Protein backbone atom coordinates (compact mmCIF):
# COMPACT_ATOMS: atom_id res chain seq x y z
CA MET A 1 -18.45 57.45 -83.43
CA ARG A 2 -20.22 57.12 -86.75
CA LYS A 3 -19.86 53.32 -86.61
CA ILE A 4 -21.57 53.27 -83.18
CA SER A 5 -24.44 55.43 -84.50
CA VAL A 6 -24.99 53.10 -87.46
CA VAL A 7 -25.00 50.03 -85.22
CA LEU A 8 -27.35 51.72 -82.74
CA MET A 9 -29.74 52.84 -85.51
CA THR A 10 -29.73 49.36 -87.08
CA GLY A 11 -30.54 47.85 -83.68
CA LEU A 12 -33.43 50.28 -83.15
CA LEU A 13 -34.87 49.59 -86.59
CA PHE A 14 -34.57 45.83 -86.02
CA ALA A 15 -36.36 46.14 -82.66
CA ALA A 16 -39.13 48.26 -84.20
CA CYS A 17 -39.72 45.67 -86.92
CA GLN A 18 -39.80 42.87 -84.36
CA ALA A 19 -42.40 44.74 -82.28
CA SER A 20 -44.77 45.34 -85.20
CA PRO A 21 -47.79 43.00 -85.05
CA ALA A 22 -48.33 40.83 -88.09
CA ASN A 23 -51.61 41.62 -89.80
CA THR A 24 -52.15 38.49 -91.85
CA THR A 25 -54.72 35.74 -91.60
CA ALA A 26 -53.79 32.15 -90.90
CA PRO A 27 -52.52 30.38 -94.04
CA ALA A 28 -54.70 27.83 -95.80
CA ASN A 29 -52.79 24.90 -94.30
CA SER A 30 -53.25 26.13 -90.70
CA ASP A 31 -54.78 23.69 -88.28
CA PRO A 32 -57.93 24.64 -86.30
CA VAL A 33 -55.97 25.33 -83.09
CA GLU A 34 -53.83 27.88 -84.91
CA VAL A 35 -56.88 29.57 -86.43
CA VAL A 36 -58.87 29.80 -83.18
CA THR A 37 -55.75 31.06 -81.35
CA ASP A 38 -55.20 33.76 -84.02
CA TYR A 39 -58.89 34.72 -83.74
CA LEU A 40 -58.73 35.03 -79.93
CA GLN A 41 -55.48 36.98 -80.07
CA ALA A 42 -57.04 39.36 -82.59
CA LEU A 43 -59.96 39.93 -80.20
CA VAL A 44 -57.69 40.52 -77.20
CA HIS A 45 -55.63 43.04 -79.21
CA GLY A 46 -58.74 44.79 -80.59
CA ASP A 47 -57.87 43.84 -84.19
CA CYS A 48 -61.43 43.57 -85.50
CA ALA A 49 -60.31 43.37 -89.14
CA MET A 50 -58.20 40.28 -88.39
CA ALA A 51 -61.00 38.69 -86.34
CA ARG A 52 -63.48 39.26 -89.20
CA ALA A 53 -61.02 37.81 -91.73
CA LEU A 54 -60.96 34.62 -89.69
CA MET A 55 -64.76 34.26 -89.68
CA THR A 56 -67.03 32.65 -92.25
CA GLU A 57 -69.49 34.79 -94.18
CA ASP A 58 -72.36 33.10 -92.36
CA ALA A 59 -70.87 33.98 -88.98
CA LEU A 60 -70.38 37.62 -90.03
CA ALA A 61 -74.01 37.82 -91.14
CA PHE A 62 -75.22 37.02 -87.63
CA GLN A 63 -72.62 38.41 -85.24
CA GLU A 64 -69.76 40.79 -84.79
CA PRO A 65 -66.59 39.71 -83.05
CA PHE A 66 -66.10 40.78 -79.42
CA CYS A 67 -63.82 43.69 -80.34
CA ASP A 68 -65.68 46.70 -79.02
CA GLN A 69 -68.74 46.14 -76.85
CA PRO A 70 -68.36 43.60 -75.34
CA ARG A 71 -64.58 43.24 -75.53
CA LEU A 72 -62.61 40.11 -74.91
CA ILE A 73 -59.63 40.99 -72.71
CA GLY A 74 -58.25 37.52 -71.91
CA TYR A 75 -58.80 33.79 -72.34
CA SER A 76 -57.69 30.51 -70.86
CA GLN A 77 -56.33 27.34 -72.40
CA LEU A 78 -58.37 25.92 -75.28
CA ILE A 79 -60.29 22.67 -74.71
CA ARG A 80 -61.23 20.78 -77.84
CA GLN A 81 -64.83 19.57 -77.67
CA PRO A 82 -66.39 16.58 -79.47
CA SER A 83 -67.87 17.77 -82.79
CA ALA A 84 -71.64 17.60 -83.07
CA GLY A 85 -72.55 17.10 -86.69
CA ASN A 86 -71.53 15.72 -90.03
CA ALA A 87 -69.76 18.82 -91.33
CA PRO A 88 -65.98 18.94 -91.01
CA GLU A 89 -66.00 21.02 -87.85
CA VAL A 90 -63.97 21.49 -84.71
CA ASP A 91 -65.41 22.93 -81.50
CA PHE A 92 -63.46 24.59 -78.69
CA ALA A 93 -64.39 25.77 -75.19
CA MET A 94 -62.46 28.15 -72.94
CA LEU A 95 -62.91 30.63 -70.14
CA VAL A 96 -62.74 34.26 -71.25
CA THR A 97 -62.72 37.58 -69.47
CA ILE A 98 -65.12 40.14 -70.95
CA GLN A 99 -65.32 43.87 -70.39
CA GLY A 100 -68.13 46.21 -71.37
CA GLY A 101 -70.68 43.52 -72.11
CA GLY A 102 -73.63 45.07 -70.29
CA THR A 103 -76.53 42.75 -69.58
CA ILE A 104 -75.68 40.33 -72.40
CA ALA A 105 -72.29 39.38 -70.96
CA PRO A 106 -71.51 41.32 -67.77
CA ASN A 107 -67.89 42.15 -66.96
CA GLY A 108 -65.99 39.14 -65.73
CA ASP A 109 -65.34 35.52 -66.62
CA HIS A 110 -67.57 33.51 -68.95
CA ARG A 111 -67.48 30.26 -70.92
CA LEU A 112 -66.91 30.79 -74.62
CA PHE A 113 -67.60 28.18 -77.27
CA VAL A 114 -66.08 28.59 -80.75
CA GLN A 115 -66.99 26.42 -83.75
CA LEU A 116 -64.67 26.24 -86.75
CA LEU A 117 -65.68 24.85 -90.16
CA VAL A 118 -63.39 23.90 -92.99
CA GLN A 119 -64.13 26.01 -96.08
CA PRO A 120 -64.23 24.76 -99.70
CA GLY A 121 -60.61 25.89 -100.25
CA GLY A 122 -59.45 23.91 -97.21
CA THR A 123 -59.07 26.83 -94.77
CA TRP A 124 -60.52 26.67 -91.28
CA ARG A 125 -62.67 29.63 -90.23
CA VAL A 126 -64.73 30.57 -87.18
CA ASN A 127 -68.37 29.79 -87.93
CA ALA A 128 -70.07 30.37 -84.57
CA VAL A 129 -69.31 31.90 -81.18
CA ASP A 130 -71.43 31.47 -78.07
CA VAL A 131 -70.81 33.02 -74.66
CA GLN A 132 -72.40 31.72 -71.49
CA PRO A 133 -72.20 32.98 -67.91
């Protein structure tokens, strides 16, 4: 009986550890797709600290991530856009579902554009986000 209890407890602990979300930012060698995906997942899960950690200082100075009002509740497949500039950047477009956006971004589906810039240390970070109806 004791052996069964130990096995059951070990299984429960293993399952609990597996279910815990990782709260780390993308490593320095992550590609832009991985970084933008981590950013969008953080927004969907309401993890504002993670979303902010994946943004550049310039981006944070001008905007807050869509964690609270409005809140990003889903997104479609990423589409890589042609980059428009000389900086090492990558641009993505996708459809997103927003909730609680008021007049700025009413509830429903919108186009979201996300620009990533490579930082001096080689990490990719979100530099700009634009939502359009």
